[in-house]
Amino acid sequence: MTNDIEFDWSEAKAAANLRKHGVDFLEAMSLFADPLTVTDFDEEHSDGEDRFVSVGRAGSGRLLLVVHTFSEVVHAGEPPYSFVRLISAREPTAHERRCYEQGVN
């Protein structure tokens, strides 16, 4: 699935996220290849732009919560692709983990 997705992020934000949460954005990016990833609209934090929260397994096997924007890009004569800008990534809280596991099972 990640072949159809392009990713972007702020290098400063990625470095701060790694220091604060111990999650590299390259690892977070791999979550989008998990077919069981659950994505919800983040109404509380979508004032200036639509933000989404996704929970799923990264390629490392670790369950992650990733905050991101999402859009589809279409260029004439080319197939559309998804564009994701990563904002933050961390391990989910116990409550978030339970919600994800209940939704997947």
PDB file of N, CA and C in Angstrom:
ATOM      1  N   MET A   1       0.811  -1.193   0.000  1.00  0.00           N
ATOM      2  CA  MET A   1       0.000   0.000   0.000  1.00  0.00           C
ATOM      3  C   MET A   1       0.855   1.258   0.000  1.00  0.00           C
ATOM      4  N   THR A   2       2.002   1.257   0.654  1.00  0.00           N
ATOM      5  CA  THR A   2       2.803   2.473   0.720  1.00  0.00           C
ATOM      6  C   THR A   2       3.372   2.863  -0.635  1.00  0.00           C
ATOM      7  N   ASN A   3       3.292   1.993  -1.650  1.00  0.00           N
ATOM      8  CA  ASN A   3       3.749   2.361  -2.983  1.00  0.00           C
ATOM      9  C   ASN A   3       2.873   3.441  -3.589  1.00  0.00           C
ATOM     10  N   ASP A   4       1.607   3.510  -3.160  1.00  0.00           N
ATOM     11  CA  ASP A   4       0.666   4.488  -3.685  1.00  0.00           C
ATOM     12  C   ASP A   4       0.585   5.731  -2.800  1.00  0.00           C
ATOM     13  N   ILE A   5       1.472   5.844  -1.839  1.00  0.00           N
ATOM     14  CA  ILE A   5       1.441   6.962  -0.899  1.00  0.00           C
ATOM     15  C   ILE A   5       2.788   7.677  -0.919  1.00  0.00           C
ATOM     16  N   GLU A   6       2.727   8.998  -0.941  1.00  0.00           N
ATOM     17  CA  GLU A   6       3.931   9.806  -0.763  1.00  0.00           C
ATOM     18  C   GLU A   6       3.857  10.440   0.614  1.00  0.00           C
ATOM     19  N   PHE A   7       5.004  10.578   1.262  1.00  0.00           N
ATOM     20  CA  PHE A   7       5.065  11.100   2.622  1.00  0.00           C
ATOM     21  C   PHE A   7       5.925  12.347   2.679  1.00  0.00           C
ATOM     22  N   ASP A   8       5.595  13.191   3.650  1.00  0.00           N
ATOM     23  CA  ASP A   8       6.360  14.406   3.894  1.00  0.00           C
ATOM     24  C   ASP A   8       6.288  14.708   5.388  1.00  0.00           C
ATOM     25  N   TRP A   9       7.293  15.403   5.885  1.00  0.00           N
ATOM     26  CA  TRP A   9       7.291  15.863   7.264  1.00  0.00           C
ATOM     27  C   TRP A   9       8.374  16.893   7.449  1.00  0.00           C
ATOM     28  N   SER A  10       8.270  17.627   8.540  1.00  0.00           N
ATOM     29  CA  SER A  10       9.283  18.585   8.927  1.00  0.00           C
ATOM     30  C   SER A  10      10.421  17.828   9.599  1.00  0.00           C
ATOM     31  N   GLU A  11      11.642  18.039   9.139  1.00  0.00           N
ATOM     32  CA  GLU A  11      12.790  17.363   9.751  1.00  0.00           C
ATOM     33  C   GLU A  11      12.945  17.761  11.222  1.00  0.00           C
ATOM     34  N   ALA A  12      12.683  19.039  11.530  1.00  0.00           N
ATOM     35  CA  ALA A  12      12.765  19.497  12.928  1.00  0.00           C
ATOM     36  C   ALA A  12      11.715  18.787  13.778  1.00  0.00           C
ATOM     37  N   LYS A  13      10.510  18.656  13.240  1.00  0.00           N
ATOM     38  CA  LYS A  13       9.435  17.971  13.957  1.00  0.00           C
ATOM     39  C   LYS A  13       9.767  16.492  14.126  1.00  0.00           C
ATOM     40  N   ALA A  14      10.349  15.875  13.121  1.00  0.00           N
ATOM     41  CA  ALA A  14      10.731  14.461  13.203  1.00  0.00           C
ATOM     42  C   ALA A  14      11.775  14.236  14.289  1.00  0.00           C
ATOM     43  N   ALA A  15      12.761  15.131  14.362  1.00  0.00           N
ATOM     44  CA  ALA A  15      13.806  15.012  15.388  1.00  0.00           C
ATOM     45  C   ALA A  15      13.217  15.204  16.780  1.00  0.00           C
ATOM     46  N   ALA A  16      12.325  16.177  16.928  1.00  0.00           N
ATOM     47  CA  ALA A  16      11.681  16.417  18.224  1.00  0.00           C
ATOM     48  C   ALA A  16      10.804  15.229  18.615  1.00  0.00           C
ATOM     49  N   ASN A  17      10.110  14.644  17.639  1.00  0.00           N
ATOM     50  CA  ASN A  17       9.252  13.495  17.913  1.00  0.00           C
ATOM     51  C   ASN A  17      10.086  12.293  18.370  1.00  0.00           C
ATOM     52  N   LEU A  18      11.222  12.081  17.733  1.00  0.00           N
ATOM     53  CA  LEU A  18      12.098  10.974  18.109  1.00  0.00           C
ATOM     54  C   LEU A  18      12.610  11.152  19.533  1.00  0.00           C
ATOM     55  N   ARG A  19      13.007  12.376  19.883  1.00  0.00           N
ATOM     56  CA  ARG A  19      13.477  12.654  21.249  1.00  0.00           C
ATOM     57  C   ARG A  19      12.358  12.463  22.278  1.00  0.00           C
ATOM     58  N   LYS A  20      11.185  12.982  21.973  1.00  0.00           N
ATOM     59  CA  LYS A  20      10.076  12.978  22.934  1.00  0.00           C
ATOM     60  C   LYS A  20       9.395  11.615  23.058  1.00  0.00           C
ATOM     61  N   HIS A  21       9.151  10.952  21.912  1.00  0.00           N
ATOM     62  CA  HIS A  21       8.349   9.726  21.912  1.00  0.00           C
ATOM     63  C   HIS A  21       9.125   8.460  21.550  1.00  0.00           C
ATOM     64  N   GLY A  22      10.369   8.617  21.079  1.00  0.00           N
ATOM     65  CA  GLY A  22      11.154   7.448  20.707  1.00  0.00           C
ATOM     66  C   GLY A  22      10.662   6.756  19.443  1.00  0.00           C
ATOM     67  N   VAL A  23       9.971   7.520  18.585  1.00  0.00           N
ATOM     68  CA  VAL A  23       9.453   6.951  17.337  1.00  0.00           C
ATOM     69  C   VAL A  23       9.997   7.752  16.165  1.00  0.00           C
ATOM     70  N   ASP A  24      10.675   7.075  15.278  1.00  0.00           N
ATOM     71  CA  ASP A  24      11.204   7.674  14.059  1.00  0.00           C
ATOM     72  C   ASP A  24      10.078   7.747  13.027  1.00  0.00           C
ATOM     73  N   PHE A  25      10.010   8.828  12.277  1.00  0.00           N
ATOM     74  CA  PHE A  25       8.958   8.966  11.273  1.00  0.00           C
ATOM     75  C   PHE A  25       9.070   7.920  10.163  1.00  0.00           C
ATOM     76  N   LEU A  26      10.261   7.391   9.902  1.00  0.00           N
ATOM     77  CA  LEU A  26      10.380   6.303   8.913  1.00  0.00           C
ATOM     78  C   LEU A  26       9.656   5.058   9.406  1.00  0.00           C
ATOM     79  N   GLU A  27       9.776   4.775  10.706  1.00  0.00           N
ATOM     80  CA  GLU A  27       9.030   3.652  11.284  1.00  0.00           C
ATOM     81  C   GLU A  27       7.531   3.951  11.233  1.00  0.00           C
ATOM     82  N   ALA A  28       7.143   5.171  11.597  1.00  0.00           N
ATOM     83  CA  ALA A  28       5.729   5.561  11.595  1.00  0.00           C
ATOM     84  C   ALA A  28       5.126   5.426  10.198  1.00  0.00           C
ATOM     85  N   MET A  29       5.883   5.765   9.200  1.00  0.00           N
ATOM     86  CA  MET A  29       5.432   5.689   7.813  1.00  0.00           C
ATOM     87  C   MET A  29       4.992   4.265   7.455  1.00  0.00           C
ATOM     88  N   SER A  30       5.670   3.268   7.998  1.00  0.00           N
ATOM     89  CA  SER A  30       5.370   1.877   7.651  1.00  0.00           C
ATOM     90  C   SER A  30       4.013   1.421   8.178  1.00  0.00           C
ATOM     91  N   LEU A  31       3.437   2.139   9.126  1.00  0.00           N
ATOM     92  CA  LEU A  31       2.111   1.811   9.647  1.00  0.00           C
ATOM     93  C   LEU A  31       1.065   1.785   8.536  1.00  0.00           C
ATOM     94  N   PHE A  32       1.234   2.604   7.515  1.00  0.00           N
ATOM     95  CA  PHE A  32       0.239   2.711   6.449  1.00  0.00           C
ATOM     96  C   PHE A  32       0.209   1.483   5.539  1.00  0.00           C
ATOM     97  N   ALA A  33       1.151   0.569   5.695  1.00  0.00           N
ATOM     98  CA  ALA A  33       1.137  -0.682   4.947  1.00  0.00           C
ATOM     99  C   ALA A  33       0.342  -1.760   5.675  1.00  0.00           C
ATOM    100  N   ASP A  34      -0.020  -1.509   6.931  1.00  0.00           N
ATOM    101  CA  ASP A  34      -0.778  -2.472   7.729  1.00  0.00           C
ATOM    102  C   ASP A  34      -2.245  -2.430   7.312  1.00  0.00           C
ATOM    103  N   PRO A  35      -2.788  -3.530   6.781  1.00  0.00           N
ATOM    104  CA  PRO A  35      -4.186  -3.518   6.339  1.00  0.00           C
ATOM    105  C   PRO A  35      -5.183  -3.359   7.493  1.00  0.00           C
ATOM    106  N   LEU A  36      -4.735  -3.547   8.731  1.00  0.00           N
ATOM    107  CA  LEU A  36      -5.628  -3.414   9.885  1.00  0.00           C
ATOM    108  C   LEU A  36      -5.560  -2.034  10.527  1.00  0.00           C
ATOM    109  N   THR A  37      -4.798  -1.124   9.933  1.00  0.00           N
ATOM    110  CA  THR A  37      -4.710   0.232  10.470  1.00  0.00           C
ATOM    111  C   THR A  37      -6.097   0.867  10.503  1.00  0.00           C
ATOM    112  N   VAL A  38      -6.398   1.523  11.620  1.00  0.00           N
ATOM    113  CA  VAL A  38      -7.673   2.208  11.805  1.00  0.00           C
ATOM    114  C   VAL A  38      -7.395   3.708  11.794  1.00  0.00           C
ATOM    115  N   THR A  39      -8.129   4.449  10.966  1.00  0.00           N
ATOM    116  CA  THR A  39      -7.940   5.892  10.836  1.00  0.00           C
ATOM    117  C   THR A  39      -9.234   6.612  11.163  1.00  0.00           C
ATOM    118  N   ASP A  40      -9.122   7.641  12.008  1.00  0.00           N
ATOM    119  CA  ASP A  40     -10.274   8.465  12.375  1.00  0.00           C
ATOM    120  C   ASP A  40      -9.938   9.931  12.156  1.00  0.00           C
ATOM    121  N   PHE A  41     -10.960  10.704  11.850  1.00  0.00           N
ATOM    122  CA  PHE A  41     -10.828  12.153  11.734  1.00  0.00           C
ATOM    123  C   PHE A  41     -10.596  12.730  13.124  1.00  0.00           C
ATOM    124  N   ASP A  42      -9.647  13.648  13.252  1.00  0.00           N
ATOM    125  CA  ASP A  42      -9.322  14.288  14.531  1.00  0.00           C
ATOM    126  C   ASP A  42     -10.004  15.654  14.586  1.00  0.00           C
ATOM    127  N   GLU A  43     -11.277  15.638  14.956  1.00  0.00           N
ATOM    128  CA  GLU A  43     -12.080  16.863  14.950  1.00  0.00           C
ATOM    129  C   GLU A  43     -11.525  17.919  15.900  1.00  0.00           C
ATOM    130  N   GLU A  44     -11.003  17.479  17.032  1.00  0.00           N
ATOM    131  CA  GLU A  44     -10.503  18.402  18.054  1.00  0.00           C
ATOM    132  C   GLU A  44      -9.313  19.241  17.578  1.00  0.00           C
ATOM    133  N   HIS A  45      -8.486  18.684  16.688  1.00  0.00           N
ATOM    134  CA  HIS A  45      -7.265  19.366  16.253  1.00  0.00           C
ATOM    135  C   HIS A  45      -7.287  19.749  14.775  1.00  0.00           C
ATOM    136  N   SER A  46      -8.474  19.888  14.200  1.00  0.00           N
ATOM    137  CA  SER A  46      -8.585  20.158  12.772  1.00  0.00           C
ATOM    138  C   SER A  46      -9.080  21.571  12.478  1.00  0.00           C
ATOM    139  N   ASP A  47      -8.616  22.542  13.227  1.00  0.00           N
ATOM    140  CA  ASP A  47      -9.061  23.919  13.003  1.00  0.00           C
ATOM    141  C   ASP A  47      -8.543  24.472  11.678  1.00  0.00           C
ATOM    142  N   GLY A  48      -7.223  24.464  11.461  1.00  0.00           N
ATOM    143  CA  GLY A  48      -6.636  25.046  10.262  1.00  0.00           C
ATOM    144  C   GLY A  48      -6.532  24.079   9.099  1.00  0.00           C
ATOM    145  N   GLU A  49      -6.571  22.776   9.395  1.00  0.00           N
ATOM    146  CA  GLU A  49      -6.447  21.745   8.371  1.00  0.00           C
ATOM    147  C   GLU A  49      -7.073  20.464   8.898  1.00  0.00           C
ATOM    148  N   ASP A  50      -7.517  19.602   8.011  1.00  0.00           N
ATOM    149  CA  ASP A  50      -8.074  18.317   8.425  1.00  0.00           C
ATOM    150  C   ASP A  50      -6.954  17.402   8.884  1.00  0.00           C
ATOM    151  N   ARG A  51      -7.059  16.954  10.128  1.00  0.00           N
ATOM    152  CA  ARG A  51      -6.063  16.033  10.685  1.00  0.00           C
ATOM    153  C   ARG A  51      -6.717  14.699  10.987  1.00  0.00           C
ATOM    154  N   PHE A  52      -5.901  13.668  10.921  1.00  0.00           N
ATOM    155  CA  PHE A  52      -6.374  12.317  11.148  1.00  0.00           C
ATOM    156  C   PHE A  52      -5.453  11.620  12.148  1.00  0.00           C
ATOM    157  N   VAL A  53      -6.009  10.630  12.837  1.00  0.00           N
ATOM    158  CA  VAL A  53      -5.251   9.800  13.766  1.00  0.00           C
ATOM    159  C   VAL A  53      -5.373   8.365  13.285  1.00  0.00           C
ATOM    160  N   SER A  54      -4.236   7.722  13.075  1.00  0.00           N
ATOM    161  CA  SER A  54      -4.228   6.325  12.641  1.00  0.00           C
ATOM    162  C   SER A  54      -3.510   5.484  13.684  1.00  0.00           C
ATOM    163  N   VAL A  55      -4.058   4.319  13.958  1.00  0.00           N
ATOM    164  CA  VAL A  55      -3.429   3.358  14.865  1.00  0.00           C
ATOM    165  C   VAL A  55      -3.268   2.054  14.107  1.00  0.00           C
ATOM    166  N   GLY A  56      -2.058   1.522  14.145  1.00  0.00           N
ATOM    167  CA  GLY A  56      -1.789   0.263  13.456  1.00  0.00           C
ATOM    168  C   GLY A  56      -0.389  -0.223  13.774  1.00  0.00           C
ATOM    169  N   ARG A  57      -0.029  -1.329  13.176  1.00  0.00           N
ATOM    170  CA  ARG A  57       1.291  -1.930  13.411  1.00  0.00           C
ATOM    171  C   ARG A  57       2.285  -1.414  12.378  1.00  0.00           C
ATOM    172  N   ALA A  58       3.386  -0.922  12.886  1.00  0.00           N
ATOM    173  CA  ALA A  58       4.495  -0.508  12.019  1.00  0.00           C
ATOM    174  C   ALA A  58       5.192  -1.767  11.513  1.00  0.00           C
ATOM    175  N   GLY A  59       6.065  -1.615  10.559  1.00  0.00           N
ATOM    176  CA  GLY A  59       6.826  -2.737  10.033  1.00  0.00           C
ATOM    177  C   GLY A  59       7.656  -3.430  11.098  1.00  0.00           C
ATOM    178  N   SER A  60       8.001  -2.711  12.151  1.00  0.00           N
ATOM    179  CA  SER A  60       8.764  -3.261  13.270  1.00  0.00           C
ATOM    180  C   SER A  60       7.921  -4.178  14.142  1.00  0.00           C
ATOM    181  N   GLY A  61       6.586  -4.143  13.943  1.00  0.00           N
ATOM    182  CA  GLY A  61       5.676  -4.920  14.774  1.00  0.00           C
ATOM    183  C   GLY A  61       5.104  -4.121  15.933  1.00  0.00           C
ATOM    184  N   ARG A  62       5.651  -2.933  16.150  1.00  0.00           N
ATOM    185  CA  ARG A  62       5.204  -2.091  17.254  1.00  0.00           C
ATOM    186  C   ARG A  62       3.895  -1.394  16.886  1.00  0.00           C
ATOM    187  N   LEU A  63       2.944  -1.366  17.820  1.00  0.00           N
ATOM    188  CA  LEU A  63       1.696  -0.655  17.616  1.00  0.00           C
ATOM    189  C   LEU A  63       1.961   0.831  17.819  1.00  0.00           C
ATOM    190  N   LEU A  64       1.547   1.659  16.844  1.00  0.00           N
ATOM    191  CA  LEU A  64       1.790   3.094  16.913  1.00  0.00           C
ATOM    192  C   LEU A  64       0.513   3.876  16.658  1.00  0.00           C
ATOM    193  N   LEU A  65       0.492   5.081  17.179  1.00  0.00           N
ATOM    194  CA  LEU A  65      -0.539   6.063  16.883  1.00  0.00           C
ATOM    195  C   LEU A  65       0.154   7.187  16.124  1.00  0.00           C
ATOM    196  N   VAL A  66      -0.368   7.524  14.947  1.00  0.00           N
ATOM    197  CA  VAL A  66       0.242   8.542  14.099  1.00  0.00           C
ATOM    198  C   VAL A  66      -0.790   9.623  13.790  1.00  0.00           C
ATOM    199  N   VAL A  67      -0.416  10.883  14.023  1.00  0.00           N
ATOM    200  CA  VAL A  67      -1.242  12.026  13.661  1.00  0.00           C
ATOM    201  C   VAL A  67      -0.720  12.544  12.330  1.00  0.00           C
ATOM    202  N   HIS A  68      -1.637  12.801  11.384  1.00  0.00           N
ATOM    203  CA  HIS A  68      -1.203  13.174  10.037  1.00  0.00           C
ATOM    204  C   HIS A  68      -2.308  13.908   9.294  1.00  0.00           C
ATOM    205  N   THR A  69      -1.931  14.541   8.211  1.00  0.00           N
ATOM    206  CA  THR A  69      -2.900  15.043   7.245  1.00  0.00           C
ATOM    207  C   THR A  69      -2.929  14.037   6.107  1.00  0.00           C
ATOM    208  N   PHE A  70      -3.989  14.097   5.323  1.00  0.00           N
ATOM    209  CA  PHE A  70      -4.152  13.136   4.244  1.00  0.00           C
ATOM    210  C   PHE A  70      -4.842  13.826   3.080  1.00  0.00           C
ATOM    211  N   SER A  71      -4.298  13.652   1.898  1.00  0.00           N
ATOM    212  CA  SER A  71      -4.957  14.191   0.720  1.00  0.00           C
ATOM    213  C   SER A  71      -4.650  13.296  -0.477  1.00  0.00           C
ATOM    214  N   GLU A  72      -5.505  13.392  -1.472  1.00  0.00           N
ATOM    215  CA  GLU A  72      -5.269  12.657  -2.705  1.00  0.00           C
ATOM    216  C   GLU A  72      -4.817  13.654  -3.765  1.00  0.00           C
ATOM    217  N   VAL A  73      -3.769  13.310  -4.479  1.00  0.00           N
ATOM    218  CA  VAL A  73      -3.212  14.193  -5.499  1.00  0.00           C
ATOM    219  C   VAL A  73      -3.505  13.587  -6.868  1.00  0.00           C
ATOM    220  N   VAL A  74      -4.011  14.416  -7.763  1.00  0.00           N
ATOM    221  CA  VAL A  74      -4.328  13.961  -9.115  1.00  0.00           C
ATOM    222  C   VAL A  74      -3.622  14.879 -10.110  1.00  0.00           C
ATOM    223  N   HIS A  75      -2.826  14.288 -10.985  1.00  0.00           N
ATOM    224  CA  HIS A  75      -2.191  15.020 -12.082  1.00  0.00           C
ATOM    225  C   HIS A  75      -2.745  14.460 -13.383  1.00  0.00           C
ATOM    226  N   ALA A  76      -3.018  15.324 -14.333  1.00  0.00           N
ATOM    227  CA  ALA A  76      -3.590  14.897 -15.612  1.00  0.00           C
ATOM    228  C   ALA A  76      -2.756  13.785 -16.240  1.00  0.00           C
ATOM    229  N   GLY A  77      -3.418  12.744 -16.639  1.00  0.00           N
ATOM    230  CA  GLY A  77      -2.755  11.646 -17.339  1.00  0.00           C
ATOM    231  C   GLY A  77      -2.023  10.671 -16.429  1.00  0.00           C
ATOM    232  N   GLU A  78      -2.075  10.878 -15.114  1.00  0.00           N
ATOM    233  CA  GLU A  78      -1.401   9.986 -14.171  1.00  0.00           C
ATOM    234  C   GLU A  78      -2.411   9.448 -13.167  1.00  0.00           C
ATOM    235  N   PRO A  79      -2.145   8.261 -12.627  1.00  0.00           N
ATOM    236  CA  PRO A  79      -3.065   7.744 -11.608  1.00  0.00           C
ATOM    237  C   PRO A  79      -2.962   8.591 -10.332  1.00  0.00           C
ATOM    238  N   PRO A  80      -4.052   8.722  -9.593  1.00  0.00           N
ATOM    239  CA  PRO A  80      -4.002   9.497  -8.346  1.00  0.00           C
ATOM    240  C   PRO A  80      -3.140   8.782  -7.305  1.00  0.00           C
ATOM    241  N   TYR A  81      -2.602   9.547  -6.397  1.00  0.00           N
ATOM    242  CA  TYR A  81      -1.854   8.961  -5.288  1.00  0.00           C
ATOM    243  C   TYR A  81      -2.180   9.726  -4.019  1.00  0.00           C
ATOM    244  N   SER A  82      -1.962   9.057  -2.904  1.00  0.00           N
ATOM    245  CA  SER A  82      -2.214   9.659  -1.602  1.00  0.00           C
ATOM    246  C   SER A  82      -0.975  10.389  -1.134  1.00  0.00           C
ATOM    247  N   PHE A  83      -1.202  11.490  -0.452  1.00  0.00           N
ATOM    248  CA  PHE A  83      -0.110  12.288   0.104  1.00  0.00           C
ATOM    249  C   PHE A  83      -0.374  12.436   1.593  1.00  0.00           C
ATOM    250  N   VAL A  84       0.579  12.008   2.410  1.00  0.00           N
ATOM    251  CA  VAL A  84       0.445  12.041   3.858  1.00  0.00           C
ATOM    252  C   VAL A  84       1.567  12.898   4.435  1.00  0.00           C
ATOM    253  N   ARG A  85       1.190  13.876   5.263  1.00  0.00           N
ATOM    254  CA  ARG A  85       2.187  14.658   6.010  1.00  0.00           C
ATOM    255  C   ARG A  85       2.111  14.210   7.455  1.00  0.00           C
ATOM    256  N   LEU A  86       3.210  13.642   7.938  1.00  0.00           N
ATOM    257  CA  LEU A  86       3.271  13.164   9.315  1.00  0.00           C
ATOM    258  C   LEU A  86       3.460  14.344  10.261  1.00  0.00           C
ATOM    259  N   ILE A  87       2.701  14.346  11.354  1.00  0.00           N
ATOM    260  CA  ILE A  87       2.775  15.416  12.339  1.00  0.00           C
ATOM    261  C   ILE A  87       3.384  14.901  13.635  1.00  0.00           C
ATOM    262  N   SER A  88       2.944  13.743  14.104  1.00  0.00           N
ATOM    263  CA  SER A  88       3.537  13.134  15.297  1.00  0.00           C
ATOM    264  C   SER A  88       3.275  11.639  15.282  1.00  0.00           C
ATOM    265  N   ALA A  89       4.070  10.922  16.059  1.00  0.00           N
ATOM    266  CA  ALA A  89       3.941   9.469  16.165  1.00  0.00           C
ATOM    267  C   ALA A  89       4.403   9.045  17.546  1.00  0.00           C
ATOM    268  N   ARG A  90       3.641   8.140  18.135  1.00  0.00           N
ATOM    269  CA  ARG A  90       3.968   7.648  19.472  1.00  0.00           C
ATOM    270  C   ARG A  90       3.292   6.308  19.681  1.00  0.00           C
ATOM    271  N   GLU A  91       3.658   5.648  20.765  1.00  0.00           N
ATOM    272  CA  GLU A  91       2.945   4.436  21.136  1.00  0.00           C
ATOM    273  C   GLU A  91       1.599   4.855  21.719  1.00  0.00           C
ATOM    274  N   PRO A  92       0.538   4.090  21.455  1.00  0.00           N
ATOM    275  CA  PRO A  92      -0.773   4.456  21.985  1.00  0.00           C
ATOM    276  C   PRO A  92      -0.842   4.246  23.494  1.00  0.00           C
ATOM    277  N   THR A  93      -1.735   4.999  24.133  1.00  0.00           N
ATOM    278  CA  THR A  93      -1.997   4.783  25.550  1.00  0.00           C
ATOM    279  C   THR A  93      -2.676   3.430  25.713  1.00  0.00           C
ATOM    280  N   ALA A  94      -2.797   2.963  26.949  1.00  0.00           N
ATOM    281  CA  ALA A  94      -3.471   1.683  27.205  1.00  0.00           C
ATOM    282  C   ALA A  94      -4.910   1.728  26.695  1.00  0.00           C
ATOM    283  N   HIS A  95      -5.589   2.836  26.902  1.00  0.00           N
ATOM    284  CA  HIS A  95      -6.972   2.988  26.434  1.00  0.00           C
ATOM    285  C   HIS A  95      -7.031   2.954  24.905  1.00  0.00           C
ATOM    286  N   GLU A  96      -6.134   3.677  24.234  1.00  0.00           N
ATOM    287  CA  GLU A  96      -6.100   3.693  22.766  1.00  0.00           C
ATOM    288  C   GLU A  96      -5.790   2.304  22.212  1.00  0.00           C
ATOM    289  N   ARG A  97      -4.906   1.590  22.888  1.00  0.00           N
ATOM    290  CA  ARG A  97      -4.543   0.228  22.474  1.00  0.00           C
ATOM    291  C   ARG A  97      -5.768  -0.692  22.574  1.00  0.00           C
ATOM    292  N   ARG A  98      -6.490  -0.609  23.692  1.00  0.00           N
ATOM    293  CA  ARG A  98      -7.682  -1.444  23.869  1.00  0.00           C
ATOM    294  C   ARG A  98      -8.734  -1.138  22.806  1.00  0.00           C
ATOM    295  N   CYS A  99      -8.953   0.141  22.536  1.00  0.00           N
ATOM    296  CA  CYS A  99      -9.931   0.531  21.504  1.00  0.00           C
ATOM    297  C   CYS A  99      -9.544  -0.042  20.150  1.00  0.00           C
ATOM    298  N   TYR A 100      -8.262   0.050  19.808  1.00  0.00           N
ATOM    299  CA  TYR A 100      -7.783  -0.504  18.540  1.00  0.00           C
ATOM    300  C   TYR A 100      -8.001  -2.009  18.502  1.00  0.00           C
ATOM    301  N   GLU A 101      -7.599  -2.697  19.565  1.00  0.00           N
ATOM    302  CA  GLU A 101      -7.696  -4.162  19.590  1.00  0.00           C
ATOM    303  C   GLU A 101      -9.140  -4.630  19.551  1.00  0.00           C
ATOM    304  N   GLN A 102     -10.054  -3.902  20.186  1.00  0.00           N
ATOM    305  CA  GLN A 102     -11.475  -4.258  20.146  1.00  0.00           C
ATOM    306  C   GLN A 102     -12.042  -4.041  18.742  1.00  0.00           C
ATOM    307  N   GLY A 103     -11.588  -3.004  18.074  1.00  0.00           N
ATOM    308  CA  GLY A 103     -12.061  -2.712  16.722  1.00  0.00           C
ATOM    309  C   GLY A 103     -11.553  -3.686  15.686  1.00  0.00           C
ATOM    310  N   VAL A 104     -10.354  -4.212  15.892  1.00  0.00           N
ATOM    311  CA  VAL A 104      -9.743  -5.132  14.934  1.00  0.00           C
ATOM    312  C   VAL A 104     -10.301  -6.536  15.096  1.00  0.00           C
ATOM    313  N   ASN A 105     -10.595  -6.928  16.327  1.00  0.00           N
ATOM    314  CA  ASN A 105     -11.079  -8.312  16.588  1.00  0.00           C
ATOM    315  C   ASN A 105     -12.543  -8.472  16.379  1.00  0.00           C
TER     316      ASN A 105
END
